[in-house]
N, C-alpha and C. Protein backbone atom coordinates (compact mmCIF):
# COMPACT_ATOMS: atom_id res chain seq x y z
N MET A 1 -2.69 -22.64 24.94
CA MET A 1 -2.52 -21.06 24.70
C MET A 1 -2.93 -21.12 22.88
N ALA A 2 -3.52 -19.95 22.95
CA ALA A 2 -4.30 -19.27 22.00
C ALA A 2 -3.90 -19.34 20.97
N LYS A 3 -3.82 -19.19 19.73
CA LYS A 3 -2.33 -19.19 18.99
C LYS A 3 -2.78 -18.28 17.85
N LYS A 4 -1.71 -17.04 18.05
CA LYS A 4 -2.07 -16.14 17.15
C LYS A 4 -1.64 -15.65 16.09
N THR A 5 -2.48 -15.13 15.50
CA THR A 5 -2.70 -15.12 13.64
C THR A 5 -2.74 -13.26 13.22
N GLU A 6 -1.44 -12.76 12.87
CA GLU A 6 -1.58 -11.53 12.25
C GLU A 6 -2.00 -11.09 11.50
N ALA A 7 -2.48 -11.00 11.85
CA ALA A 7 -3.68 -9.42 11.35
C ALA A 7 -3.44 -8.12 10.40
N ARG A 8 -1.90 -7.74 10.79
CA ARG A 8 -1.84 -7.06 9.67
C ARG A 8 -0.42 -7.01 9.56
N GLY A 9 -0.73 -6.40 7.93
CA GLY A 9 0.24 -7.29 6.89
C GLY A 9 0.45 -6.11 6.17
N ILE A 10 1.92 -6.21 5.68
CA ILE A 10 2.81 -5.39 4.97
C ILE A 10 2.63 -5.48 3.49
N ILE A 11 2.84 -4.16 3.28
CA ILE A 11 1.34 -4.47 1.47
C ILE A 11 2.76 -2.75 0.70
N TYR A 12 2.31 -2.78 -0.11
CA TYR A 12 3.28 -2.19 -1.14
C TYR A 12 2.18 -1.34 -2.33
N LEU A 13 2.65 0.20 -2.17
CA LEU A 13 2.08 1.44 -3.45
C LEU A 13 2.64 1.95 -4.27
N SER A 14 2.17 1.49 -5.22
CA SER A 14 2.59 1.56 -6.28
C SER A 14 2.41 2.45 -7.22
N CYS A 15 2.97 3.26 -8.04
CA CYS A 15 2.04 4.60 -8.60
C CYS A 15 1.44 4.07 -9.28
N THR A 16 0.35 4.98 -10.36
CA THR A 16 -0.59 4.58 -11.48
C THR A 16 -0.45 5.33 -11.95
N GLU A 17 0.39 6.05 -12.37
CA GLU A 17 1.14 6.29 -13.87
C GLU A 17 2.90 5.30 -14.37
N CYS A 18 3.53 5.19 -13.68
CA CYS A 18 3.98 4.52 -13.71
C CYS A 18 4.75 3.31 -13.09
N GLY A 19 3.88 3.19 -12.71
CA GLY A 19 3.88 1.64 -12.34
C GLY A 19 4.96 1.53 -11.29
N GLU A 20 5.80 2.15 -10.75
CA GLU A 20 7.24 1.78 -10.09
C GLU A 20 7.03 2.24 -8.66
N ARG A 21 6.90 0.99 -7.29
CA ARG A 21 6.55 0.60 -6.13
C ARG A 21 7.30 2.09 -5.50
N ASN A 22 7.15 2.46 -4.29
CA ASN A 22 7.39 4.03 -3.88
C ASN A 22 7.89 3.73 -2.47
N TYR A 23 6.86 3.06 -2.17
CA TYR A 23 6.62 3.41 -0.82
C TYR A 23 5.73 2.02 -0.22
N THR A 24 6.27 1.16 1.18
CA THR A 24 5.73 0.52 1.95
C THR A 24 5.05 0.92 3.55
N THR A 25 4.31 0.30 3.60
CA THR A 25 3.06 0.46 4.97
C THR A 25 2.71 -1.36 5.05
N SER A 26 1.59 -1.30 6.17
CA SER A 26 1.71 -2.47 6.91
C SER A 26 -0.18 -1.39 7.17
N LYS A 27 -1.16 -2.83 7.15
CA LYS A 27 -2.46 -2.41 7.33
C LYS A 27 -3.32 -3.24 7.66
N ASN A 28 -4.27 -3.23 8.49
CA ASN A 28 -5.52 -4.23 8.91
C ASN A 28 -6.37 -5.54 8.39
N ARG A 29 -5.70 -5.94 7.44
CA ARG A 29 -6.92 -6.66 7.01
C ARG A 29 -7.90 -7.03 6.85
N LYS A 30 -8.27 -7.44 8.54
CA LYS A 30 -10.08 -7.59 8.79
C LYS A 30 -10.69 -6.50 8.17
N ASN A 31 -9.86 -5.48 9.47
CA ASN A 31 -10.72 -4.37 9.11
C ASN A 31 -11.01 -3.02 7.73
N ASP A 32 -10.20 -3.41 6.85
CA ASP A 32 -9.94 -2.82 5.31
C ASP A 32 -9.58 -3.71 4.31
N PRO A 33 -10.88 -4.33 3.68
CA PRO A 33 -10.16 -5.58 3.08
C PRO A 33 -9.95 -5.29 1.75
N GLN A 34 -10.89 -4.00 1.29
CA GLN A 34 -10.93 -3.45 -0.42
C GLN A 34 -8.98 -2.59 -0.43
N ARG A 35 -8.56 -2.46 -2.00
CA ARG A 35 -7.35 -1.42 -1.84
C ARG A 35 -7.79 -1.15 -1.17
N LEU A 36 -6.14 -0.39 -0.66
CA LEU A 36 -5.90 1.44 -0.57
C LEU A 36 -5.31 2.29 -1.55
N GLU A 37 -6.16 3.60 -2.05
CA GLU A 37 -5.01 4.27 -2.73
C GLU A 37 -4.94 5.89 -2.14
N LEU A 38 -3.72 6.07 -2.17
CA LEU A 38 -3.27 7.19 -1.25
C LEU A 38 -2.34 8.16 -2.46
N THR A 39 -3.06 9.50 -2.08
CA THR A 39 -1.32 10.56 -2.71
C THR A 39 -0.57 10.53 -2.21
N LYS A 40 0.26 10.08 -2.77
CA LYS A 40 1.75 10.65 -2.50
C LYS A 40 2.54 10.95 -3.10
N TYR A 41 3.80 11.32 -3.25
CA TYR A 41 4.87 11.66 -4.07
C TYR A 41 5.45 10.52 -4.89
N CYS A 42 5.69 10.82 -6.02
CA CYS A 42 6.55 9.79 -6.81
C CYS A 42 7.68 9.98 -7.07
N CYS A 43 8.95 9.72 -7.13
CA CYS A 43 10.09 10.67 -7.47
C CYS A 43 10.89 10.51 -9.07
N ARG A 44 9.92 8.91 -9.34
CA ARG A 44 10.04 8.92 -11.16
C ARG A 44 9.97 10.23 -11.99
N CYS A 45 8.06 10.39 -11.12
CA CYS A 45 7.21 11.75 -11.74
C CYS A 45 7.51 13.06 -12.11
N ARG A 46 8.30 12.82 -10.36
CA ARG A 46 8.40 14.42 -10.03
C ARG A 46 7.19 15.34 -9.09
N ILE A 47 6.09 14.36 -9.17
CA ILE A 47 4.82 14.88 -8.71
C ILE A 47 3.78 14.51 -8.23
N HIS A 48 2.97 14.78 -7.75
CA HIS A 48 1.90 14.27 -5.96
C HIS A 48 1.10 13.01 -7.62
N ARG A 49 0.65 11.50 -7.24
CA ARG A 49 -0.02 10.62 -7.90
C ARG A 49 -0.09 10.23 -6.84
N VAL A 50 -1.73 8.98 -7.74
CA VAL A 50 -2.33 7.88 -6.92
C VAL A 50 -1.42 7.37 -6.98
N HIS A 51 -1.19 6.42 -5.53
CA HIS A 51 -0.37 5.35 -5.37
C HIS A 51 -1.97 4.28 -4.77
N LYS A 52 -1.60 2.78 -5.91
CA LYS A 52 -2.42 2.09 -4.96
C LYS A 52 -2.00 1.12 -4.47
N GLU A 53 -2.48 -0.26 -4.22
CA GLU A 53 -1.92 -1.14 -3.30
C GLU A 53 -1.68 -2.24 -3.99
N THR A 54 -0.52 -2.55 -4.09
CA THR A 54 -0.22 -4.18 -4.62
C THR A 54 0.31 -5.04 -4.06
N LYS A 55 0.74 -6.70 -4.56
CA LYS A 55 1.17 -7.39 -3.61
C LYS A 55 2.39 -7.39 -3.55
């Protein structure tokens, strides 16, 4: 039987201004090797800011 490998992994998104980790999501690391950047709402800053992928 073949060994199953996990291509999708859980990643954390943190605010670029305050650095707080607000969101978790998953992505396929084989198809998207670069870091993810999304515009999300930051509850500490109380405004929409760019959130980047962290480890």
